[in-house]
Amino acid sequence: MATGRTHRPATRSRGIPEATVARLPLYLRALTALSERSVPTVSSEELAAAAGVNSAKLRKDFSYLGSYGTRGVGYDVEYLVYQISRELGLTQDWPVVIVGIGNLGAALANYGGFASRGFRVAALIDADPAMAGTPVAGMPVQHTDELEKIIKDNGVSIGVISTPAGAAQQVCERLVAAGVTSILNFAPTVLSVPDGVDVRKVDLSIELQILAFHEQRKAGEEATAEGAAAPADAKQQRKGPDGDVPAVMPA
């Protein structure tokens, strides 16, 4: 571990803002890429650019972790990887169950990023009896009748829901009743959960709709710019006999 680093234990009683927590995985991803390239240190400006945030916000976020870097040197990459991983709880094993093994659920089961980030897929669960025993990503799919036993036997606290919308709430309630306290929801519906249960929602259609909004706005701005740049004679052709644009066009 490199020396010359200023560090103090994080003040956990103060807590870390949710907005900061949401950015920690971005920092970790950028730092992991640097680590894989054997980069020993990184400045706040370089790391902020890689994570897509401004450097002042990054330094504020890291102050909640008790990391302030070293002037003229920057941040120790390996130490920050460890520190953020520890803060996110990634230094321990997290068993996860995926409920709903359709196309999306199967894709999630085959995603290699879970294991490399400390998440172990403990079971794949589906309500279709015909799916029982079918191997997906090297694991046999189990029926939802076994859900509670699976959660208890594996000490699962995180559940992933990738069922159709109509089944998601019932699955959620069973997960919570069995002891799951964190849920990642891919179903296109809003889940109702009791206090103490955290839900993160991933809705691809909503993200596409937001992108469509931005595309429409950009198209509108381009049309406006083109109209403003139209030749003077073209604008003249649109004027009425008195030189002004007529309020009502003749039939």
C-alpha atoms as a PDB file:
ATOM      1  CA  MET A   1       0.000   0.000   0.000  1.00  0.00           C
ATOM      2  CA  ALA A   2       1.430   3.364  -1.009  1.00  0.00           C
ATOM      3  CA  THR A   3       2.358   5.889   1.658  1.00  0.00           C
ATOM      4  CA  GLY A   4       1.916   9.649   1.645  1.00  0.00           C
ATOM      5  CA  ARG A   5      -1.868   9.321   1.634  1.00  0.00           C
ATOM      6  CA  THR A   6      -4.011  11.350   3.978  1.00  0.00           C
ATOM      7  CA  HIS A   7      -6.738   9.163   5.462  1.00  0.00           C
ATOM      8  CA  ARG A   8      -9.085   9.183   8.372  1.00  0.00           C
ATOM      9  CA  PRO A   9     -11.890   6.745   9.201  1.00  0.00           C
ATOM     10  CA  ALA A  10     -15.250   7.687   7.710  1.00  0.00           C
ATOM     11  CA  THR A  11     -17.681   9.214  10.172  1.00  0.00           C
ATOM     12  CA  ARG A  12     -20.438   6.677   9.802  1.00  0.00           C
ATOM     13  CA  SER A  13     -22.728   8.398  12.267  1.00  0.00           C
ATOM     14  CA  ARG A  14     -22.913  11.269   9.803  1.00  0.00           C
ATOM     15  CA  GLY A  15     -23.843   8.910   6.998  1.00  0.00           C
ATOM     16  CA  ILE A  16     -23.252   9.192   3.277  1.00  0.00           C
ATOM     17  CA  PRO A  17     -25.807  11.004   1.057  1.00  0.00           C
ATOM     18  CA  GLU A  18     -27.777   8.821  -1.353  1.00  0.00           C
ATOM     19  CA  ALA A  19     -26.514  10.867  -4.299  1.00  0.00           C
ATOM     20  CA  THR A  20     -22.940  10.056  -3.265  1.00  0.00           C
ATOM     21  CA  VAL A  21     -23.759   6.365  -2.850  1.00  0.00           C
ATOM     22  CA  ALA A  22     -25.209   6.361  -6.386  1.00  0.00           C
ATOM     23  CA  ARG A  23     -21.898   7.704  -7.747  1.00  0.00           C
ATOM     24  CA  LEU A  24     -19.610   5.311  -5.873  1.00  0.00           C
ATOM     25  CA  PRO A  25     -20.108   2.486  -8.424  1.00  0.00           C
ATOM     26  CA  LEU A  26     -19.142   4.925 -11.198  1.00  0.00           C
ATOM     27  CA  TYR A  27     -15.904   5.735  -9.397  1.00  0.00           C
ATOM     28  CA  LEU A  28     -15.270   2.060  -8.739  1.00  0.00           C
ATOM     29  CA  ARG A  29     -15.727   1.160 -12.392  1.00  0.00           C
ATOM     30  CA  ALA A  30     -13.293   3.867 -13.487  1.00  0.00           C
ATOM     31  CA  LEU A  31     -10.790   2.898 -10.775  1.00  0.00           C
ATOM     32  CA  THR A  32     -11.001  -0.794 -11.679  1.00  0.00           C
ATOM     33  CA  ALA A  33     -10.145   0.066 -15.285  1.00  0.00           C
ATOM     34  CA  LEU A  34      -7.128   2.055 -14.062  1.00  0.00           C
ATOM     35  CA  SER A  35      -6.082  -0.796 -11.783  1.00  0.00           C
ATOM     36  CA  GLU A  36      -6.220  -3.263 -14.665  1.00  0.00           C
ATOM     37  CA  ARG A  37      -3.804  -0.985 -16.536  1.00  0.00           C
ATOM     38  CA  SER A  38      -1.506  -0.885 -13.460  1.00  0.00           C
ATOM     39  CA  VAL A  39      -1.978   2.867 -13.001  1.00  0.00           C
ATOM     40  CA  PRO A  40      -0.774   3.590  -9.426  1.00  0.00           C
ATOM     41  CA  THR A  41      -2.288   7.030  -8.791  1.00  0.00           C
ATOM     42  CA  VAL A  42      -4.912   9.274 -10.351  1.00  0.00           C
ATOM     43  CA  SER A  43      -5.781  12.949  -9.934  1.00  0.00           C
ATOM     44  CA  SER A  44      -9.290  14.041  -8.998  1.00  0.00           C
ATOM     45  CA  GLU A  45      -9.652  15.695 -12.420  1.00  0.00           C
ATOM     46  CA  GLU A  46      -8.676  12.534 -14.300  1.00  0.00           C
ATOM     47  CA  LEU A  47     -10.884  10.281 -12.207  1.00  0.00           C
ATOM     48  CA  ALA A  48     -13.822  12.694 -12.386  1.00  0.00           C
ATOM     49  CA  ALA A  49     -13.568  12.789 -16.192  1.00  0.00           C
ATOM     50  CA  ALA A  50     -13.453   8.987 -16.366  1.00  0.00           C
ATOM     51  CA  ALA A  51     -16.521   8.722 -14.100  1.00  0.00           C
ATOM     52  CA  GLY A  52     -18.443  11.494 -15.847  1.00  0.00           C
ATOM     53  CA  VAL A  53     -18.701  13.923 -12.912  1.00  0.00           C
ATOM     54  CA  ASN A  54     -16.972  17.180 -12.004  1.00  0.00           C
ATOM     55  CA  SER A  55     -13.863  17.084  -9.830  1.00  0.00           C
ATOM     56  CA  ALA A  56     -15.331  19.233  -7.033  1.00  0.00           C
ATOM     57  CA  LYS A  57     -18.211  16.790  -6.622  1.00  0.00           C
ATOM     58  CA  LEU A  58     -15.772  13.863  -6.616  1.00  0.00           C
ATOM     59  CA  ARG A  59     -13.624  15.410  -3.894  1.00  0.00           C
ATOM     60  CA  LYS A  60     -16.740  16.091  -1.808  1.00  0.00           C
ATOM     61  CA  ASP A  61     -17.914  12.495  -2.274  1.00  0.00           C
ATOM     62  CA  PHE A  62     -14.545  11.098  -1.230  1.00  0.00           C
ATOM     63  CA  SER A  63     -14.506  13.297   1.856  1.00  0.00           C
ATOM     64  CA  TYR A  64     -17.432  11.231   3.159  1.00  0.00           C
ATOM     65  CA  LEU A  65     -15.174   8.176   2.879  1.00  0.00           C
ATOM     66  CA  GLY A  66     -12.356   9.933   4.693  1.00  0.00           C
ATOM     67  CA  SER A  67     -10.144  10.069   1.591  1.00  0.00           C
ATOM     68  CA  TYR A  68      -8.557  13.348   0.560  1.00  0.00           C
ATOM     69  CA  GLY A  69      -5.679  12.243  -1.655  1.00  0.00           C
ATOM     70  CA  THR A  70      -2.221  13.807  -1.618  1.00  0.00           C
ATOM     71  CA  ARG A  71      -1.516  17.188  -3.150  1.00  0.00           C
ATOM     72  CA  GLY A  72       0.602  16.820  -6.262  1.00  0.00           C
ATOM     73  CA  VAL A  73       0.151  13.042  -6.274  1.00  0.00           C
ATOM     74  CA  GLY A  74      -3.576  12.354  -6.293  1.00  0.00           C
ATOM     75  CA  TYR A  75      -5.376   9.265  -5.063  1.00  0.00           C
ATOM     76  CA  ASP A  76      -3.911   5.790  -4.610  1.00  0.00           C
ATOM     77  CA  VAL A  77      -5.889   3.672  -7.099  1.00  0.00           C
ATOM     78  CA  GLU A  78      -5.661   0.312  -5.320  1.00  0.00           C
ATOM     79  CA  TYR A  79      -6.553   1.800  -1.952  1.00  0.00           C
ATOM     80  CA  LEU A  80      -9.582   3.597  -3.359  1.00  0.00           C
ATOM     81  CA  VAL A  81     -10.751   0.380  -5.055  1.00  0.00           C
ATOM     82  CA  TYR A  82     -10.596  -1.344  -1.678  1.00  0.00           C
ATOM     83  CA  GLN A  83     -12.148   1.571   0.204  1.00  0.00           C
ATOM     84  CA  ILE A  84     -15.119   2.001  -2.133  1.00  0.00           C
ATOM     85  CA  SER A  85     -15.620  -1.765  -2.386  1.00  0.00           C
ATOM     86  CA  ARG A  86     -15.717  -1.953   1.400  1.00  0.00           C
ATOM     87  CA  GLU A  87     -18.155   0.957   1.652  1.00  0.00           C
ATOM     88  CA  LEU A  88     -20.449  -0.655  -0.930  1.00  0.00           C
ATOM     89  CA  GLY A  89     -20.283  -3.992   0.870  1.00  0.00           C
ATOM     90  CA  LEU A  90     -18.483  -5.712  -1.988  1.00  0.00           C
ATOM     91  CA  THR A  91     -15.766  -7.250   0.162  1.00  0.00           C
ATOM     92  CA  GLN A  92     -18.203  -9.955   1.248  1.00  0.00           C
ATOM     93  CA  ASP A  93     -20.249 -12.552  -0.595  1.00  0.00           C
ATOM     94  CA  TRP A  94     -23.847 -11.595  -1.468  1.00  0.00           C
ATOM     95  CA  PRO A  95     -26.083 -14.500  -2.525  1.00  0.00           C
ATOM     96  CA  VAL A  96     -28.773 -13.378  -4.983  1.00  0.00           C
ATOM     97  CA  VAL A  97     -31.870 -15.073  -6.371  1.00  0.00           C
ATOM     98  CA  ILE A  98     -33.322 -14.228  -9.779  1.00  0.00           C
ATOM     99  CA  VAL A  99     -37.068 -14.777 -10.093  1.00  0.00           C
ATOM    100  CA  GLY A 100     -38.492 -14.968 -13.599  1.00  0.00           C
ATOM    101  CA  ILE A 101     -36.269 -16.810 -16.071  1.00  0.00           C
ATOM    102  CA  GLY A 102     -37.618 -15.572 -19.371  1.00  0.00           C
ATOM    103  CA  ASN A 103     -35.405 -13.891 -21.951  1.00  0.00           C
ATOM    104  CA  LEU A 104     -34.378 -11.102 -19.570  1.00  0.00           C
ATOM    105  CA  GLY A 105     -33.934 -13.368 -16.554  1.00  0.00           C
ATOM    106  CA  ALA A 106     -31.784 -15.767 -18.590  1.00  0.00           C
ATOM    107  CA  ALA A 107     -29.670 -12.864 -19.812  1.00  0.00           C
ATOM    108  CA  LEU A 108     -29.166 -11.704 -16.221  1.00  0.00           C
ATOM    109  CA  ALA A 109     -28.234 -15.229 -15.164  1.00  0.00           C
ATOM    110  CA  ASN A 110     -25.560 -15.301 -17.867  1.00  0.00           C
ATOM    111  CA  TYR A 111     -24.157 -11.899 -16.918  1.00  0.00           C
ATOM    112  CA  GLY A 112     -20.582 -12.407 -15.748  1.00  0.00           C
ATOM    113  CA  GLY A 113     -20.407  -9.076 -13.934  1.00  0.00           C
ATOM    114  CA  PHE A 114     -22.273 -10.349 -10.871  1.00  0.00           C
ATOM    115  CA  ALA A 115     -19.580 -12.742  -9.683  1.00  0.00           C
ATOM    116  CA  SER A 116     -16.723 -10.327 -10.360  1.00  0.00           C
ATOM    117  CA  ARG A 117     -18.403  -7.723  -8.142  1.00  0.00           C
ATOM    118  CA  GLY A 118     -19.198  -9.900  -5.161  1.00  0.00           C
ATOM    119  CA  PHE A 119     -22.683 -11.141  -6.093  1.00  0.00           C
ATOM    120  CA  ARG A 120     -23.232 -14.879  -6.270  1.00  0.00           C
ATOM    121  CA  VAL A 121     -26.347 -16.101  -8.048  1.00  0.00           C
ATOM    122  CA  ALA A 122     -27.606 -18.664  -5.564  1.00  0.00           C
ATOM    123  CA  ALA A 123     -30.710 -19.743  -7.466  1.00  0.00           C
ATOM    124  CA  LEU A 124     -32.802 -19.198 -10.575  1.00  0.00           C
ATOM    125  CA  ILE A 125     -36.542 -19.414  -9.926  1.00  0.00           C
ATOM    126  CA  ASP A 126     -39.528 -19.538 -12.280  1.00  0.00           C
ATOM    127  CA  ALA A 127     -43.263 -20.225 -11.944  1.00  0.00           C
ATOM    128  CA  ASP A 128     -43.434 -22.388 -15.074  1.00  0.00           C
ATOM    129  CA  PRO A 129     -43.308 -26.088 -14.071  1.00  0.00           C
ATOM    130  CA  ALA A 130     -41.868 -26.898 -17.494  1.00  0.00           C
ATOM    131  CA  MET A 131     -38.805 -24.781 -16.648  1.00  0.00           C
ATOM    132  CA  ALA A 132     -37.964 -26.757 -13.507  1.00  0.00           C
ATOM    133  CA  GLY A 133     -34.634 -28.503 -13.909  1.00  0.00           C
ATOM    134  CA  THR A 134     -33.792 -26.694 -17.127  1.00  0.00           C
ATOM    135  CA  PRO A 135     -30.149 -25.568 -17.024  1.00  0.00           C
ATOM    136  CA  VAL A 136     -29.578 -21.833 -17.511  1.00  0.00           C
ATOM    137  CA  ALA A 137     -26.067 -20.408 -17.152  1.00  0.00           C
ATOM    138  CA  GLY A 138     -25.016 -23.765 -15.739  1.00  0.00           C
ATOM    139  CA  MET A 139     -27.688 -23.784 -13.013  1.00  0.00           C
ATOM    140  CA  PRO A 140     -30.968 -25.720 -12.914  1.00  0.00           C
ATOM    141  CA  VAL A 141     -34.058 -23.529 -12.731  1.00  0.00           C
ATOM    142  CA  GLN A 142     -36.139 -24.164  -9.609  1.00  0.00           C
ATOM    143  CA  HIS A 143     -39.893 -23.740  -9.194  1.00  0.00           C
ATOM    144  CA  THR A 144     -41.351 -20.853  -7.195  1.00  0.00           C
ATOM    145  CA  ASP A 145     -42.795 -23.380  -4.713  1.00  0.00           C
ATOM    146  CA  GLU A 146     -39.229 -23.667  -3.391  1.00  0.00           C
ATOM    147  CA  LEU A 147     -38.672 -19.906  -3.076  1.00  0.00           C
ATOM    148  CA  GLU A 148     -38.898 -19.573   0.704  1.00  0.00           C
ATOM    149  CA  LYS A 149     -36.717 -22.625   1.343  1.00  0.00           C
ATOM    150  CA  ILE A 150     -34.105 -21.421  -1.145  1.00  0.00           C
ATOM    151  CA  ILE A 151     -33.891 -18.011   0.508  1.00  0.00           C
ATOM    152  CA  LYS A 152     -33.558 -19.525   3.971  1.00  0.00           C
ATOM    153  CA  ASP A 153     -31.009 -22.165   2.989  1.00  0.00           C
ATOM    154  CA  ASN A 154     -28.786 -19.672   1.149  1.00  0.00           C
ATOM    155  CA  GLY A 155     -29.155 -16.697   3.480  1.00  0.00           C
ATOM    156  CA  VAL A 156     -30.389 -14.529   0.612  1.00  0.00           C
ATOM    157  CA  SER A 157     -31.059 -10.857   1.313  1.00  0.00           C
ATOM    158  CA  ILE A 158     -31.099  -9.578  -2.295  1.00  0.00           C
ATOM    159  CA  GLY A 159     -33.702 -10.608  -4.843  1.00  0.00           C
ATOM    160  CA  VAL A 160     -33.919  -9.793  -8.547  1.00  0.00           C
ATOM    161  CA  ILE A 161     -37.386  -9.697 -10.112  1.00  0.00           C
ATOM    162  CA  SER A 162     -37.579 -10.143 -13.884  1.00  0.00           C
ATOM    163  CA  THR A 163     -41.135 -11.466 -14.102  1.00  0.00           C
ATOM    164  CA  PRO A 164     -44.027 -10.002 -16.123  1.00  0.00           C
ATOM    165  CA  ALA A 165     -45.580  -6.949 -14.476  1.00  0.00           C
ATOM    166  CA  GLY A 166     -48.683  -8.807 -13.294  1.00  0.00           C
ATOM    167  CA  ALA A 167     -46.692 -11.267 -11.194  1.00  0.00           C
ATOM    168  CA  ALA A 168     -44.088  -8.879  -9.773  1.00  0.00           C
ATOM    169  CA  GLN A 169     -45.952  -7.621  -6.689  1.00  0.00           C
ATOM    170  CA  GLN A 170     -46.852 -11.114  -5.495  1.00  0.00           C
ATOM    171  CA  VAL A 171     -43.263 -12.271  -6.002  1.00  0.00           C
ATOM    172  CA  CYS A 172     -42.063  -9.192  -4.143  1.00  0.00           C
ATOM    173  CA  GLU A 173     -44.311  -9.920  -1.179  1.00  0.00           C
ATOM    174  CA  ARG A 174     -43.090 -13.508  -0.982  1.00  0.00           C
ATOM    175  CA  LEU A 175     -39.465 -12.397  -1.153  1.00  0.00           C
ATOM    176  CA  VAL A 176     -39.977  -9.873   1.636  1.00  0.00           C
ATOM    177  CA  ALA A 177     -41.907 -12.336   3.789  1.00  0.00           C
ATOM    178  CA  ALA A 178     -39.040 -14.816   3.387  1.00  0.00           C
ATOM    179  CA  GLY A 179     -36.484 -12.289   4.611  1.00  0.00           C
ATOM    180  CA  VAL A 180     -35.269 -10.463   1.500  1.00  0.00           C
ATOM    181  CA  THR A 181     -34.630  -6.798   2.316  1.00  0.00           C
ATOM    182  CA  SER A 182     -33.267  -5.498  -1.016  1.00  0.00           C
ATOM    183  CA  ILE A 183     -34.880  -5.928  -4.419  1.00  0.00           C
ATOM    184  CA  LEU A 184     -33.711  -5.108  -7.924  1.00  0.00           C
ATOM    185  CA  ASN A 185     -36.869  -4.803 -10.020  1.00  0.00           C
ATOM    186  CA  PHE A 186     -36.795  -5.222 -13.794  1.00  0.00           C
ATOM    187  CA  ALA A 187     -40.568  -5.709 -14.081  1.00  0.00           C
ATOM    188  CA  PRO A 188     -42.365  -2.709 -15.666  1.00  0.00           C
ATOM    189  CA  THR A 189     -44.358  -1.865 -12.548  1.00  0.00           C
ATOM    190  CA  VAL A 190     -43.979  -0.017  -9.258  1.00  0.00           C
ATOM    191  CA  LEU A 191     -43.630  -2.311  -6.244  1.00  0.00           C
ATOM    192  CA  SER A 192     -45.146  -1.620  -2.844  1.00  0.00           C
ATOM    193  CA  VAL A 193     -42.819  -2.633  -0.017  1.00  0.00           C
ATOM    194  CA  PRO A 194     -42.771  -2.095   3.765  1.00  0.00           C
ATOM    195  CA  ASP A 195     -40.320   0.172   5.554  1.00  0.00           C
ATOM    196  CA  GLY A 196     -36.857  -1.300   5.761  1.00  0.00           C
ATOM    197  CA  VAL A 197     -36.948  -2.832   2.269  1.00  0.00           C
ATOM    198  CA  ASP A 198     -34.947  -1.125  -0.479  1.00  0.00           C
ATOM    199  CA  VAL A 199     -36.052  -1.305  -4.109  1.00  0.00           C
ATOM    200  CA  ARG A 200     -34.058  -0.261  -7.152  1.00  0.00           C
ATOM    201  CA  LYS A 201     -36.034  -0.159 -10.398  1.00  0.00           C
ATOM    202  CA  VAL A 202     -34.570  -0.714 -13.844  1.00  0.00           C
ATOM    203  CA  ASP A 203     -37.027   0.060 -16.661  1.00  0.00           C
ATOM    204  CA  LEU A 204     -35.448  -0.052 -20.112  1.00  0.00           C
ATOM    205  CA  SER A 205     -38.571   1.321 -21.820  1.00  0.00           C
ATOM    206  CA  ILE A 206     -38.488   4.439 -19.624  1.00  0.00           C
ATOM    207  CA  GLU A 207     -34.838   5.015 -20.475  1.00  0.00           C
ATOM    208  CA  LEU A 208     -35.649   4.714 -24.185  1.00  0.00           C
ATOM    209  CA  GLN A 209     -38.551   7.154 -23.809  1.00  0.00           C
ATOM    210  CA  ILE A 210     -36.219   9.680 -22.180  1.00  0.00           C
ATOM    211  CA  LEU A 211     -33.790   9.276 -25.079  1.00  0.00           C
ATOM    212  CA  ALA A 212     -36.696   9.741 -27.525  1.00  0.00           C
ATOM    213  CA  PHE A 213     -37.545  13.020 -25.764  1.00  0.00           C
ATOM    214  CA  HIS A 214     -34.000  14.278 -26.217  1.00  0.00           C
ATOM    215  CA  GLU A 215     -33.927  13.170 -29.867  1.00  0.00           C
ATOM    216  CA  GLN A 216     -37.202  15.009 -30.524  1.00  0.00           C
ATOM    217  CA  ARG A 217     -35.869  18.150 -28.824  1.00  0.00           C
ATOM    218  CA  LYS A 218     -32.665  18.036 -30.863  1.00  0.00           C
ATOM    219  CA  ALA A 219     -34.681  17.626 -34.065  1.00  0.00           C
ATOM    220  CA  GLY A 220     -36.815  20.631 -33.086  1.00  0.00           C
ATOM    221  CA  GLU A 221     -33.738  22.741 -32.384  1.00  0.00           C
ATOM    222  CA  GLU A 222     -32.255  21.785 -35.761  1.00  0.00           C
ATOM    223  CA  ALA A 223     -35.501  22.698 -37.534  1.00  0.00           C
ATOM    224  CA  THR A 224     -35.551  26.054 -35.745  1.00  0.00           C
ATOM    225  CA  ALA A 225     -31.940  26.714 -36.706  1.00  0.00           C
ATOM    226  CA  GLU A 226     -32.645  25.822 -40.331  1.00  0.00           C
ATOM    227  CA  GLY A 227     -35.654  28.136 -40.366  1.00  0.00           C
ATOM    228  CA  ALA A 228     -33.609  30.989 -38.941  1.00  0.00           C
ATOM    229  CA  ALA A 229     -30.980  30.433 -41.629  1.00  0.00           C
ATOM    230  CA  ALA A 230     -33.488  30.405 -44.532  1.00  0.00           C
ATOM    231  CA  PRO A 231     -32.598  32.748 -47.439  1.00  0.00           C
ATOM    232  CA  ALA A 232     -34.060  36.253 -47.318  1.00  0.00           C
ATOM    233  CA  ASP A 233     -35.993  35.743 -50.567  1.00  0.00           C
ATOM    234  CA  ALA A 234     -37.659  32.641 -49.148  1.00  0.00           C
ATOM    235  CA  LYS A 235     -38.759  34.627 -46.105  1.00  0.00           C
ATOM    236  CA  GLN A 236     -40.015  37.384 -48.434  1.00  0.00           C
ATOM    237  CA  GLN A 237     -42.162  34.849 -50.316  1.00  0.00           C
ATOM    238  CA  ARG A 238     -44.001  34.046 -47.103  1.00  0.00           C
ATOM    239  CA  LYS A 239     -45.020  37.691 -46.543  1.00  0.00           C
ATOM    240  CA  GLY A 240     -48.439  39.090 -47.368  1.00  0.00           C
ATOM    241  CA  PRO A 241     -49.193  41.860 -49.868  1.00  0.00           C
ATOM    242  CA  ASP A 242     -48.446  44.539 -47.257  1.00  0.00           C
ATOM    243  CA  GLY A 243     -45.136  43.027 -46.372  1.00  0.00           C
ATOM    244  CA  ASP A 244     -46.315  41.276 -43.189  1.00  0.00           C
ATOM    245  CA  VAL A 245     -47.060  37.613 -42.733  1.00  0.00           C
ATOM    246  CA  PRO A 246     -50.882  37.329 -43.157  1.00  0.00           C
ATOM    247  CA  ALA A 247     -52.735  36.264 -40.022  1.00  0.00           C
ATOM    248  CA  VAL A 248     -54.996  34.011 -42.119  1.00  0.00           C
ATOM    249  CA  MET A 249     -53.795  32.396 -45.299  1.00  0.00           C
ATOM    250  CA  PRO A 250     -56.226  32.755 -48.246  1.00  0.00           C
ATOM    251  CA  ALA A 251     -58.152  29.641 -49.212  1.00  0.00           C
END
